Amino acid sequence: MLIKRNRGWEIPEARVTPEHVFLNRRSFMAAGAGAMALAATRPARAEDDPSVSLYPAKLNPAYADPGRPVTGAEYTTTFNNYYEFGSSKRIADASKALPIRPWAIVIDGEVEKPTTIAIDDLFAQVTFEERIYRHRCVEAWSMVVPWTGFPLKRLVELAKPTSNAKYLRFETFNKPEVAPGQKDGFFTSYPWPYVEGVTMAEAMNDLPLMVTGAYGKPLPTSMGAPLRLHLPWKYGFKSIKGIVRVSFTAERPVSFWEQLGPQEYGFWANVNPEVPHPRWSQASEEVLGAGERVPTLLYNGYGAQVADLYKDLESEKLFM
C-alpha cells in the first residue's frame, strides 16, 4: 500500500537578512571582508562547503518511496557511529573540526591510470541525484535518509579498472590532529585508517551510492562529509565515511571491523533478521526518532535488487 506524506526534509526558503544588518552596510561589508580573509587562511569546513550550489538534486523516482517515513535530520545528524571522533554517538560537534577542503580522492590499484582527483573536480564529472534509502545499523537501530550523490558504478566507469580488478577497497582519512579517536585513549590501538570493501559485482549494482549530501544540502561531517558510501542492503558499518582512497584490487580487502572482530563482523555484512549477531538478535530494529520497534527485513528490504549477487556463495558467511 502506498502511503502519501509530506516531504518534511525539503529545504525552506532562505531567511531574509535582518533589517539592522542591511542598514548597517559598512559594518556588514567589513565583517564580510574579515570572513573572506579568515577563509583564505584555513581549510574549508562544512559550514562553507563550496558544493552548496549543487543542491538540492533531482529525486530519482525509482528510489522515492522507502516504505517508511523519512527520519528527521535532527536525529540523523546528531546520532552517529564515527569512532574517529569518539565512542559516543554524539560526535556531531567534534566532527566539525575535520576540514573538508582541500580534499582529494586517490584512485589506484588495478586501473588503467592511477590518479588523484580533487573532490570538486570529481563532482564536476558526475550527475547528482537524490535517493531515499533505509539504513540499518548492526546495533539493531535504523533510519530513513534522503541522500544525495551519484552511483558507485559511475566512479568505477571513471576509474577504468583492468580485468584483474575483483574488489574495491575504500579507505577513510587518517588525521589524528583533528580526530581524537585516532590519537587518544582506547581507540588508538585500532587499525586506522578505516577500511571497507565490496566486490566488483556489488559495485556495479544499481543500489550503491557515493553520498555527497543529505536532506537537500551538502553532507554534514557527522554523516561522513565530503564523501561517503551507502550500501542500503548491508549493515551500516559497511557504508564508510570520509573517503580519501578507492583502490581496485585482485585480492579481497580485510575491512576495519573484520580485523578487530572476525567472529562478529565479516566481509559481507548483509542484513538478515534470522542470523543473530553473537551478542544480540537481529530480528527487529528500533526506528530512530519514532519510538517504535519494527521487524527487520532480509537485505533490509532490497532483496529484489541484490539477492542474485550471492546465489553461488552459500559457503560464505553472508550475514555477519
C-alpha atoms as a PDB file:
ATOM      1  CA  MET A   1       0.000   0.000   0.000  1.00  0.00           C
ATOM      2  CA  LEU A   2       1.339   3.436  -0.941  1.00  0.00           C
ATOM      3  CA  ILE A   3       1.393   5.973   1.863  1.00  0.00           C
ATOM      4  CA  LYS A   4       1.438   9.627   0.838  1.00  0.00           C
ATOM      5  CA  ARG A   5       3.187  12.016   3.192  1.00  0.00           C
ATOM      6  CA  ASN A   6       4.595  15.478   3.187  1.00  0.00           C
ATOM      7  CA  ARG A   7       8.295  15.626   2.422  1.00  0.00           C
ATOM      8  CA  GLY A   8       9.386  17.305   5.600  1.00  0.00           C
ATOM      9  CA  TRP A   9      13.028  17.206   4.624  1.00  0.00           C
ATOM     10  CA  GLU A  10      12.623  19.727   1.791  1.00  0.00           C
ATOM     11  CA  ILE A  11      14.656  22.915   2.202  1.00  0.00           C
ATOM     12  CA  PRO A  12      12.730  26.029   3.360  1.00  0.00           C
ATOM     13  CA  GLU A  13      13.131  29.375   1.625  1.00  0.00           C
ATOM     14  CA  ALA A  14      16.248  31.315   2.568  1.00  0.00           C
ATOM     15  CA  ARG A  15      15.879  33.559   5.535  1.00  0.00           C
ATOM     16  CA  VAL A  16      15.635  37.306   4.910  1.00  0.00           C
ATOM     17  CA  THR A  17      18.615  39.402   6.018  1.00  0.00           C
ATOM     18  CA  PRO A  18      17.679  41.269   9.226  1.00  0.00           C
ATOM     19  CA  GLU A  19      16.889  44.938   8.669  1.00  0.00           C
ATOM     20  CA  HIS A  20      19.548  46.202  11.077  1.00  0.00           C
ATOM     21  CA  VAL A  21      22.234  44.270   9.222  1.00  0.00           C
ATOM     22  CA  PHE A  22      21.150  45.685   5.876  1.00  0.00           C
ATOM     23  CA  LEU A  23      21.031  49.261   7.155  1.00  0.00           C
ATOM     24  CA  ASN A  24      24.460  48.955   8.738  1.00  0.00           C
ATOM     25  CA  ARG A  25      26.060  48.064   5.422  1.00  0.00           C
ATOM     26  CA  ARG A  26      29.563  49.343   6.152  1.00  0.00           C
ATOM     27  CA  SER A  27      29.907  47.161   9.197  1.00  0.00           C
ATOM     28  CA  PHE A  28      28.416  44.283   7.261  1.00  0.00           C
ATOM     29  CA  MET A  29      30.942  44.709   4.420  1.00  0.00           C
ATOM     30  CA  ALA A  30      33.821  44.965   6.846  1.00  0.00           C
ATOM     31  CA  ALA A  31      32.711  41.786   8.559  1.00  0.00           C
ATOM     32  CA  GLY A  32      32.446  40.065   5.191  1.00  0.00           C
ATOM     33  CA  ALA A  33      35.962  41.120   4.240  1.00  0.00           C
ATOM     34  CA  GLY A  34      37.253  39.760   7.508  1.00  0.00           C
ATOM     35  CA  ALA A  35      35.462  36.479   6.963  1.00  0.00           C
ATOM     36  CA  MET A  36      36.981  36.125   3.481  1.00  0.00           C
ATOM     37  CA  ALA A  37      40.433  36.798   4.862  1.00  0.00           C
ATOM     38  CA  LEU A  38      39.898  34.153   7.529  1.00  0.00           C
ATOM     39  CA  ALA A  39      38.644  31.651   4.946  1.00  0.00           C
ATOM     40  CA  ALA A  40      41.800  32.189   2.907  1.00  0.00           C
ATOM     41  CA  THR A  41      43.968  31.161   5.862  1.00  0.00           C
ATOM     42  CA  ARG A  42      42.180  27.996   6.976  1.00  0.00           C
ATOM     43  CA  PRO A  43      40.806  24.835   5.345  1.00  0.00           C
ATOM     44  CA  ALA A  44      37.102  24.873   4.492  1.00  0.00           C
ATOM     45  CA  ARG A  45      34.699  23.134   6.821  1.00  0.00           C
ATOM     46  CA  ALA A  46      31.097  22.022   6.442  1.00  0.00           C
ATOM     47  CA  GLU A  47      29.573  25.433   7.046  1.00  0.00           C
ATOM     48  CA  ASP A  48      31.309  26.848   3.955  1.00  0.00           C
ATOM     49  CA  ASP A  49      31.105  23.837   1.646  1.00  0.00           C
ATOM     50  CA  PRO A  50      31.809  25.093  -1.906  1.00  0.00           C
ATOM     51  CA  SER A  51      29.473  22.484  -3.416  1.00  0.00           C
ATOM     52  CA  VAL A  52      26.364  24.033  -1.857  1.00  0.00           C
ATOM     53  CA  SER A  53      25.114  25.323  -5.233  1.00  0.00           C
ATOM     54  CA  LEU A  54      24.693  21.717  -6.445  1.00  0.00           C
ATOM     55  CA  TYR A  55      21.778  21.127  -4.049  1.00  0.00           C
ATOM     56  CA  PRO A  56      19.017  20.134  -3.953  1.00  0.00           C
ATOM     57  CA  ALA A  57      19.379  17.445  -6.606  1.00  0.00           C
ATOM     58  CA  LYS A  58      16.529  15.867  -8.545  1.00  0.00           C
ATOM     59  CA  LEU A  59      14.830  12.963  -6.799  1.00  0.00           C
ATOM     60  CA  ASN A  60      15.259   9.642  -8.593  1.00  0.00           C
ATOM     61  CA  PRO A  61      11.668   8.289  -8.780  1.00  0.00           C
ATOM     62  CA  ALA A  62      12.918   4.700  -8.575  1.00  0.00           C
ATOM     63  CA  TYR A  63      14.072   5.407  -5.018  1.00  0.00           C
ATOM     64  CA  ALA A  64      11.387   7.827  -3.872  1.00  0.00           C
ATOM     65  CA  ASP A  65       9.382   5.576  -1.534  1.00  0.00           C
ATOM     66  CA  PRO A  66      11.358   3.573   1.041  1.00  0.00           C
ATOM     67  CA  GLY A  67       8.169   2.259   2.637  1.00  0.00           C
ATOM     68  CA  ARG A  68       8.778   4.182   5.856  1.00  0.00           C
ATOM     69  CA  PRO A  69       8.692   7.862   6.824  1.00  0.00           C
ATOM     70  CA  VAL A  70      11.872   9.877   6.428  1.00  0.00           C
ATOM     71  CA  THR A  71      13.726  10.274   9.720  1.00  0.00           C
ATOM     72  CA  GLY A  72      14.123  13.854  10.891  1.00  0.00           C
ATOM     73  CA  ALA A  73      17.509  15.436  10.283  1.00  0.00           C
ATOM     74  CA  GLU A  74      17.635  16.438  13.951  1.00  0.00           C
ATOM     75  CA  TYR A  75      18.106  12.724  14.726  1.00  0.00           C
ATOM     76  CA  THR A  76      20.281  11.510  11.867  1.00  0.00           C
ATOM     77  CA  THR A  77      22.814  14.328  12.015  1.00  0.00           C
ATOM     78  CA  THR A  78      23.365  14.059  15.770  1.00  0.00           C
ATOM     79  CA  PHE A  79      23.294  10.290  16.360  1.00  0.00           C
ATOM     80  CA  ASN A  80      26.232   8.710  14.559  1.00  0.00           C
ATOM     81  CA  ASN A  81      28.834   5.993  14.951  1.00  0.00           C
ATOM     82  CA  TYR A  82      32.106   7.646  13.962  1.00  0.00           C
ATOM     83  CA  TYR A  83      34.857   6.309  16.188  1.00  0.00           C
ATOM     84  CA  GLU A  84      37.417   8.619  14.665  1.00  0.00           C
ATOM     85  CA  PHE A  85      35.760  11.303  16.800  1.00  0.00           C
ATOM     86  CA  GLY A  86      34.993   9.223  19.890  1.00  0.00           C
ATOM     87  CA  SER A  87      32.960   6.328  21.247  1.00  0.00           C
ATOM     88  CA  SER A  88      29.827   8.376  21.934  1.00  0.00           C
ATOM     89  CA  LYS A  89      27.205   8.711  19.213  1.00  0.00           C
ATOM     90  CA  ARG A  90      27.048  12.441  19.985  1.00  0.00           C
ATOM     91  CA  ILE A  91      30.111  13.361  17.924  1.00  0.00           C
ATOM     92  CA  ALA A  92      28.479  15.971  15.682  1.00  0.00           C
ATOM     93  CA  ASP A  93      30.294  18.913  17.260  1.00  0.00           C
ATOM     94  CA  ALA A  94      33.659  17.134  17.436  1.00  0.00           C
ATOM     95  CA  SER A  95      33.421  16.137  13.770  1.00  0.00           C
ATOM     96  CA  LYS A  96      33.239  19.786  12.698  1.00  0.00           C
ATOM     97  CA  ALA A  97      36.999  20.019  13.271  1.00  0.00           C
ATOM     98  CA  LEU A  98      37.517  17.934  10.134  1.00  0.00           C
ATOM     99  CA  PRO A  99      38.485  20.173   7.180  1.00  0.00           C
ATOM    100  CA  ILE A 100      36.533  19.230   4.039  1.00  0.00           C
ATOM    101  CA  ARG A 101      38.621  21.329   1.629  1.00  0.00           C
ATOM    102  CA  PRO A 102      41.131  20.793   0.254  1.00  0.00           C
ATOM    103  CA  TRP A 103      40.074  17.159  -0.191  1.00  0.00           C
ATOM    104  CA  ALA A 104      41.260  14.708  -2.807  1.00  0.00           C
ATOM    105  CA  ILE A 105      40.442  11.127  -3.725  1.00  0.00           C
ATOM    106  CA  VAL A 106      43.207   8.716  -4.707  1.00  0.00           C
ATOM    107  CA  ILE A 107      42.111   6.135  -7.288  1.00  0.00           C
ATOM    108  CA  ASP A 108      44.713   3.406  -7.697  1.00  0.00           C
ATOM    109  CA  GLY A 109      45.424  -0.301  -7.955  1.00  0.00           C
ATOM    110  CA  GLU A 110      44.145  -2.286 -10.905  1.00  0.00           C
ATOM    111  CA  VAL A 111      43.147   0.684 -13.066  1.00  0.00           C
ATOM    112  CA  GLU A 112      44.335   1.934 -16.436  1.00  0.00           C
ATOM    113  CA  LYS A 113      45.845   5.081 -14.960  1.00  0.00           C
ATOM    114  CA  PRO A 114      46.112   5.706 -11.210  1.00  0.00           C
ATOM    115  CA  THR A 115      45.172   9.273 -10.352  1.00  0.00           C
ATOM    116  CA  THR A 116      44.424  11.721  -7.588  1.00  0.00           C
ATOM    117  CA  ILE A 117      41.422  13.947  -8.153  1.00  0.00           C
ATOM    118  CA  ALA A 118      40.212  16.952  -6.158  1.00  0.00           C
ATOM    119  CA  ILE A 119      36.754  16.365  -4.754  1.00  0.00           C
ATOM    120  CA  ASP A 120      35.158  19.260  -6.664  1.00  0.00           C
ATOM    121  CA  ASP A 121      36.740  18.094  -9.922  1.00  0.00           C
ATOM    122  CA  LEU A 122      35.170  14.695  -9.281  1.00  0.00           C
ATOM    123  CA  PHE A 123      31.793  16.318  -8.630  1.00  0.00           C
ATOM    124  CA  ALA A 124      32.062  18.110 -11.981  1.00  0.00           C
ATOM    125  CA  GLN A 125      32.250  14.735 -13.773  1.00  0.00           C
ATOM    126  CA  VAL A 126      29.140  13.187 -12.241  1.00  0.00           C
ATOM    127  CA  THR A 127      25.429  13.955 -12.006  1.00  0.00           C
ATOM    128  CA  PHE A 128      23.934  14.236  -8.550  1.00  0.00           C
ATOM    129  CA  GLU A 129      20.582  12.673  -7.723  1.00  0.00           C
ATOM    130  CA  GLU A 130      18.570  12.166  -4.575  1.00  0.00           C
ATOM    131  CA  ARG A 131      17.602   8.718  -3.314  1.00  0.00           C
ATOM    132  CA  ILE A 132      15.606   7.961  -0.190  1.00  0.00           C
ATOM    133  CA  TYR A 133      17.126   4.857   1.382  1.00  0.00           C
ATOM    134  CA  ARG A 134      16.667   2.859   4.535  1.00  0.00           C
ATOM    135  CA  HIS A 135      19.731   2.451   6.746  1.00  0.00           C
ATOM    136  CA  ARG A 136      20.101  -0.464   9.177  1.00  0.00           C
ATOM    137  CA  CYS A 137      22.839  -0.407  11.816  1.00  0.00           C
ATOM    138  CA  VAL A 138      24.334  -3.673  13.041  1.00  0.00           C
ATOM    139  CA  GLU A 139      23.388  -2.457  16.541  1.00  0.00           C
ATOM    140  CA  ALA A 140      19.714  -3.012  15.617  1.00  0.00           C
ATOM    141  CA  TRP A 141      18.561   0.570  15.076  1.00  0.00           C
ATOM    142  CA  SER A 142      17.511   2.097  11.767  1.00  0.00           C
ATOM    143  CA  MET A 143      16.626   5.312   9.972  1.00  0.00           C
ATOM    144  CA  VAL A 144      15.483   6.584   6.556  1.00  0.00           C
ATOM    145  CA  VAL A 145      17.500   9.343   4.879  1.00  0.00           C
ATOM    146  CA  PRO A 146      17.119  11.319   1.641  1.00  0.00           C
ATOM    147  CA  TRP A 147      20.713  11.006   0.416  1.00  0.00           C
ATOM    148  CA  THR A 148      22.253  12.942  -2.459  1.00  0.00           C
ATOM    149  CA  GLY A 149      25.096  11.557  -4.513  1.00  0.00           C
ATOM    150  CA  PHE A 150      25.968   9.562  -7.593  1.00  0.00           C
ATOM    151  CA  PRO A 151      26.005   5.814  -8.327  1.00  0.00           C
ATOM    152  CA  LEU A 152      29.150   3.950  -7.327  1.00  0.00           C
ATOM    153  CA  LYS A 153      29.198   2.346 -10.753  1.00  0.00           C
ATOM    154  CA  ARG A 154      29.806   5.806 -12.231  1.00  0.00           C
ATOM    155  CA  LEU A 155      33.004   6.044 -10.180  1.00  0.00           C
ATOM    156  CA  VAL A 156      34.004   2.606 -11.483  1.00  0.00           C
ATOM    157  CA  GLU A 157      33.474   3.816 -15.037  1.00  0.00           C
ATOM    158  CA  LEU A 158      35.660   6.870 -14.433  1.00  0.00           C
ATOM    159  CA  ALA A 159      38.403   4.742 -12.863  1.00  0.00           C
ATOM    160  CA  LYS A 160      38.566   2.337 -15.836  1.00  0.00           C
ATOM    161  CA  PRO A 161      39.608  -0.799 -13.918  1.00  0.00           C
ATOM    162  CA  THR A 162      41.534  -3.589 -15.594  1.00  0.00           C
ATOM    163  CA  SER A 163      40.279  -7.146 -15.889  1.00  0.00           C
ATOM    164  CA  ASN A 164      42.327  -8.005 -12.778  1.00  0.00           C
ATOM    165  CA  ALA A 165      40.094  -5.889 -10.542  1.00  0.00           C
ATOM    166  CA  LYS A 166      37.755  -8.060  -8.468  1.00  0.00           C
ATOM    167  CA  TYR A 167      37.200  -5.812  -5.440  1.00  0.00           C
ATOM    168  CA  LEU A 168      37.079  -2.166  -4.411  1.00  0.00           C
ATOM    169  CA  ARG A 169      38.907  -1.200  -1.227  1.00  0.00           C
ATOM    170  CA  PHE A 170      37.803   2.072   0.386  1.00  0.00           C
ATOM    171  CA  GLU A 171      39.922   3.982   2.870  1.00  0.00           C
ATOM    172  CA  THR A 172      38.993   6.891   5.101  1.00  0.00           C
ATOM    173  CA  PHE A 173      41.131   9.825   6.266  1.00  0.00           C
ATOM    174  CA  ASN A 174      43.802   9.487   8.942  1.00  0.00           C
ATOM    175  CA  LYS A 175      44.032  12.848  10.732  1.00  0.00           C
ATOM    176  CA  PRO A 176      44.754  12.324  14.427  1.00  0.00           C
ATOM    177  CA  GLU A 177      45.373  16.057  14.775  1.00  0.00           C
ATOM    178  CA  VAL A 178      41.610  16.680  14.362  1.00  0.00           C
ATOM    179  CA  ALA A 179      40.124  13.217  15.028  1.00  0.00           C
ATOM    180  CA  PRO A 180      40.658  12.442  18.734  1.00  0.00           C
ATOM    181  CA  GLY A 181      39.623   8.808  18.353  1.00  0.00           C
ATOM    182  CA  GLN A 182      42.686   8.253  16.186  1.00  0.00           C
ATOM    183  CA  LYS A 183      45.119   9.587  18.782  1.00  0.00           C
ATOM    184  CA  ASP A 184      43.677   9.353  22.305  1.00  0.00           C
ATOM    185  CA  GLY A 185      42.561   6.580  24.605  1.00  0.00           C
ATOM    186  CA  PHE A 186      41.448   3.048  23.845  1.00  0.00           C
ATOM    187  CA  PHE A 187      40.836   3.548  20.121  1.00  0.00           C
ATOM    188  CA  THR A 188      44.464   4.351  19.333  1.00  0.00           C
ATOM    189  CA  SER A 189      45.052   0.590  19.192  1.00  0.00           C
ATOM    190  CA  TYR A 190      42.549   0.269  16.358  1.00  0.00           C
ATOM    191  CA  PRO A 191      43.876  -0.343  12.825  1.00  0.00           C
ATOM    192  CA  TRP A 192      43.403   3.184  11.454  1.00  0.00           C
ATOM    193  CA  PRO A 193      42.587   4.302   8.846  1.00  0.00           C
ATOM    194  CA  TYR A 194      39.119   2.785   8.499  1.00  0.00           C
ATOM    195  CA  VAL A 195      38.885   0.359   5.566  1.00  0.00           C
ATOM    196  CA  GLU A 196      35.937  -1.269   3.831  1.00  0.00           C
ATOM    197  CA  GLY A 197      35.417  -3.238   0.636  1.00  0.00           C
ATOM    198  CA  VAL A 198      32.918  -4.550  -1.883  1.00  0.00           C
ATOM    199  CA  THR A 199      33.104  -6.848  -4.860  1.00  0.00           C
ATOM    200  CA  MET A 200      33.079  -5.518  -8.400  1.00  0.00           C
ATOM    201  CA  ALA A 201      29.693  -7.176  -8.886  1.00  0.00           C
ATOM    202  CA  GLU A 202      28.302  -5.300  -5.872  1.00  0.00           C
ATOM    203  CA  ALA A 203      29.861  -2.045  -7.039  1.00  0.00           C
ATOM    204  CA  MET A 204      28.208  -2.338 -10.453  1.00  0.00           C
ATOM    205  CA  ASN A 205      24.763  -2.941  -8.950  1.00  0.00           C
ATOM    206  CA  ASP A 206      22.326  -0.010  -9.215  1.00  0.00           C
ATOM    207  CA  LEU A 207      21.919   0.466  -5.446  1.00  0.00           C
ATOM    208  CA  PRO A 208      25.345   1.580  -4.104  1.00  0.00           C
ATOM    209  CA  LEU A 209      25.533   5.356  -3.818  1.00  0.00           C
ATOM    210  CA  MET A 210      28.550   7.591  -3.348  1.00  0.00           C
ATOM    211  CA  VAL A 211      26.981  10.075  -0.965  1.00  0.00           C
ATOM    212  CA  THR A 212      27.784  13.791  -1.002  1.00  0.00           C
ATOM    213  CA  GLY A 213      24.708  15.251   0.707  1.00  0.00           C
ATOM    214  CA  ALA A 214      21.545  14.644   2.698  1.00  0.00           C
ATOM    215  CA  TYR A 215      18.238  16.452   3.173  1.00  0.00           C
ATOM    216  CA  GLY A 216      18.844  18.573   0.089  1.00  0.00           C
ATOM    217  CA  LYS A 217      22.142  20.077   1.188  1.00  0.00           C
ATOM    218  CA  PRO A 218      25.822  19.098   1.481  1.00  0.00           C
ATOM    219  CA  LEU A 219      26.572  16.232   3.840  1.00  0.00           C
ATOM    220  CA  PRO A 220      27.444  17.246   7.421  1.00  0.00           C
ATOM    221  CA  THR A 221      30.740  15.992   8.774  1.00  0.00           C
ATOM    222  CA  SER A 222      28.910  13.859  11.331  1.00  0.00           C
ATOM    223  CA  MET A 223      27.457  11.822   8.452  1.00  0.00           C
ATOM    224  CA  GLY A 224      30.732  11.451   6.539  1.00  0.00           C
ATOM    225  CA  ALA A 225      31.385  14.635   4.544  1.00  0.00           C
ATOM    226  CA  PRO A 226      32.562  15.287   1.977  1.00  0.00           C
ATOM    227  CA  LEU A 227      32.196  11.759   0.539  1.00  0.00           C
ATOM    228  CA  ARG A 228      30.874   8.501   1.943  1.00  0.00           C
ATOM    229  CA  LEU A 229      29.413   5.273   0.635  1.00  0.00           C
ATOM    230  CA  HIS A 230      25.899   3.985   1.267  1.00  0.00           C
ATOM    231  CA  LEU A 231      25.006   0.318   0.793  1.00  0.00           C
ATOM    232  CA  PRO A 232      21.370   0.106   1.904  1.00  0.00           C
ATOM    233  CA  TRP A 233      21.130  -3.695   1.994  1.00  0.00           C
ATOM    234  CA  LYS A 234      24.144  -4.104   4.285  1.00  0.00           C
ATOM    235  CA  TYR A 235      24.737  -3.231   7.914  1.00  0.00           C
ATOM    236  CA  GLY A 236      25.753   0.379   8.335  1.00  0.00           C
ATOM    237  CA  PHE A 237      29.406  -0.183   9.223  1.00  0.00           C
ATOM    238  CA  LYS A 238      29.984  -1.139   5.575  1.00  0.00           C
ATOM    239  CA  SER A 239      28.997   2.385   4.492  1.00  0.00           C
ATOM    240  CA  ILE A 240      32.389   4.000   5.041  1.00  0.00           C
ATOM    241  CA  LYS A 241      32.634   7.752   5.746  1.00  0.00           C
ATOM    242  CA  GLY A 242      35.226  10.401   4.880  1.00  0.00           C
ATOM    243  CA  ILE A 243      36.660   8.534   1.887  1.00  0.00           C
ATOM    244  CA  VAL A 244      40.116   9.531   0.603  1.00  0.00           C
ATOM    245  CA  ARG A 245      41.165   6.455  -1.386  1.00  0.00           C
ATOM    246  CA  VAL A 246      39.483   3.897  -3.641  1.00  0.00           C
ATOM    247  CA  SER A 247      41.732   1.007  -4.676  1.00  0.00           C
ATOM    248  CA  PHE A 248      40.815  -1.659  -7.210  1.00  0.00           C
ATOM    249  CA  THR A 249      42.336  -4.978  -6.182  1.00  0.00           C
ATOM    250  CA  ALA A 250      42.553  -8.620  -7.171  1.00  0.00           C
ATOM    251  CA  GLU A 251      42.500  -9.710  -3.516  1.00  0.00           C
ATOM    252  CA  ARG A 252      39.591  -9.333  -1.115  1.00  0.00           C
ATOM    253  CA  PRO A 253      40.336  -6.487   1.325  1.00  0.00           C
ATOM    254  CA  VAL A 254      40.110  -7.109   5.049  1.00  0.00           C
ATOM    255  CA  SER A 255      37.789  -4.478   6.471  1.00  0.00           C
ATOM    256  CA  PHE A 256      38.323  -2.492   9.675  1.00  0.00           C
ATOM    257  CA  TRP A 257      35.818  -4.353  11.853  1.00  0.00           C
ATOM    258  CA  GLU A 258      36.756  -7.668  10.291  1.00  0.00           C
ATOM    259  CA  GLN A 259      40.294  -7.107  11.567  1.00  0.00           C
ATOM    260  CA  LEU A 260      39.068  -6.260  15.053  1.00  0.00           C
ATOM    261  CA  GLY A 261      36.388  -8.919  15.489  1.00  0.00           C
ATOM    262  CA  PRO A 262      36.196 -11.513  12.709  1.00  0.00           C
ATOM    263  CA  GLN A 263      33.926 -13.680  14.883  1.00  0.00           C
ATOM    264  CA  GLU A 264      31.325 -10.864  14.873  1.00  0.00           C
ATOM    265  CA  TYR A 265      31.926  -8.785  11.729  1.00  0.00           C
ATOM    266  CA  GLY A 266      32.570 -10.302   8.333  1.00  0.00           C
ATOM    267  CA  PHE A 267      33.256  -9.007   4.846  1.00  0.00           C
ATOM    268  CA  TRP A 268      29.693  -9.338   3.520  1.00  0.00           C
ATOM    269  CA  ALA A 269      27.544  -7.962   6.368  1.00  0.00           C
ATOM    270  CA  ASN A 270      24.239  -8.348   4.514  1.00  0.00           C
ATOM    271  CA  VAL A 271      21.155  -7.723   6.666  1.00  0.00           C
ATOM    272  CA  ASN A 272      19.302 -10.878   7.739  1.00  0.00           C
ATOM    273  CA  PRO A 273      16.801 -10.987  10.634  1.00  0.00           C
ATOM    274  CA  GLU A 274      17.292 -14.745  11.015  1.00  0.00           C
ATOM    275  CA  VAL A 275      21.044 -14.559  11.639  1.00  0.00           C
ATOM    276  CA  PRO A 276      21.729 -13.034  15.066  1.00  0.00           C
ATOM    277  CA  HIS A 277      24.808 -11.096  15.999  1.00  0.00           C
ATOM    278  CA  PRO A 278      26.771 -13.162  18.547  1.00  0.00           C
ATOM    279  CA  ARG A 279      25.624 -10.753  21.277  1.00  0.00           C
ATOM    280  CA  TRP A 280      22.089  -9.744  20.250  1.00  0.00           C
ATOM    281  CA  SER A 281      19.175 -10.566  17.988  1.00  0.00           C
ATOM    282  CA  GLN A 282      18.792  -9.009  14.540  1.00  0.00           C
ATOM    283  CA  ALA A 283      15.107  -9.940  14.231  1.00  0.00           C
ATOM    284  CA  SER A 284      13.872  -6.382  14.841  1.00  0.00           C
ATOM    285  CA  GLU A 285      15.157  -2.813  14.958  1.00  0.00           C
ATOM    286  CA  GLU A 286      14.498   0.414  16.833  1.00  0.00           C
ATOM    287  CA  VAL A 287      13.430   3.162  14.419  1.00  0.00           C
ATOM    288  CA  LEU A 288      15.419   6.270  15.240  1.00  0.00           C
ATOM    289  CA  GLY A 289      13.164   9.089  16.461  1.00  0.00           C
ATOM    290  CA  ALA A 290       9.944   7.098  16.030  1.00  0.00           C
ATOM    291  CA  GLY A 291       9.759   5.391  19.404  1.00  0.00           C
ATOM    292  CA  GLU A 292       8.845   2.037  17.892  1.00  0.00           C
ATOM    293  CA  ARG A 293      10.438  -1.289  17.078  1.00  0.00           C
ATOM    294  CA  VAL A 294       9.738  -2.976  13.734  1.00  0.00           C
ATOM    295  CA  PRO A 295      10.647  -6.335  12.176  1.00  0.00           C
ATOM    296  CA  THR A 296      13.880  -6.370  10.203  1.00  0.00           C
ATOM    297  CA  LEU A 297      13.689  -7.348   6.539  1.00  0.00           C
ATOM    298  CA  LEU A 298      16.070  -9.653   4.665  1.00  0.00           C
ATOM    299  CA  TYR A 299      18.618  -7.493   2.808  1.00  0.00           C
ATOM    300  CA  ASN A 300      16.906  -4.589   4.578  1.00  0.00           C
ATOM    301  CA  GLY A 301      14.073  -4.887   2.072  1.00  0.00           C
ATOM    302  CA  TYR A 302      16.275  -4.645  -1.026  1.00  0.00           C
ATOM    303  CA  GLY A 303      16.450  -8.358  -1.848  1.00  0.00           C
ATOM    304  CA  ALA A 304      14.846  -7.976  -5.265  1.00  0.00           C
ATOM    305  CA  GLN A 305      17.796  -5.821  -6.345  1.00  0.00           C
ATOM    306  CA  VAL A 306      20.697  -7.700  -4.747  1.00  0.00           C
ATOM    307  CA  ALA A 307      19.860 -11.312  -3.803  1.00  0.00           C
ATOM    308  CA  ASP A 308      21.146 -12.642  -7.121  1.00  0.00           C
ATOM    309  CA  LEU A 309      24.625 -11.335  -6.279  1.00  0.00           C
ATOM    310  CA  TYR A 310      25.003 -14.131  -3.717  1.00  0.00           C
ATOM    311  CA  LYS A 311      23.495 -17.176  -5.444  1.00  0.00           C
ATOM    312  CA  ASP A 312      26.774 -19.080  -5.674  1.00  0.00           C
ATOM    313  CA  LEU A 313      28.193 -18.026  -2.324  1.00  0.00           C
ATOM    314  CA  GLU A 314      26.278 -20.324   0.037  1.00  0.00           C
ATOM    315  CA  SER A 315      29.528 -21.384   1.745  1.00  0.00           C
ATOM    316  CA  GLU A 316      30.305 -17.781   2.733  1.00  0.00           C
ATOM    317  CA  LYS A 317      29.163 -16.097   5.939  1.00  0.00           C
ATOM    318  CA  LEU A 318      26.990 -13.639   4.080  1.00  0.00           C
ATOM    319  CA  PHE A 319      25.094 -12.208   7.047  1.00  0.00           C
ATOM    320  CA  MET A 320      27.751 -11.123   9.544  1.00  0.00           C
END
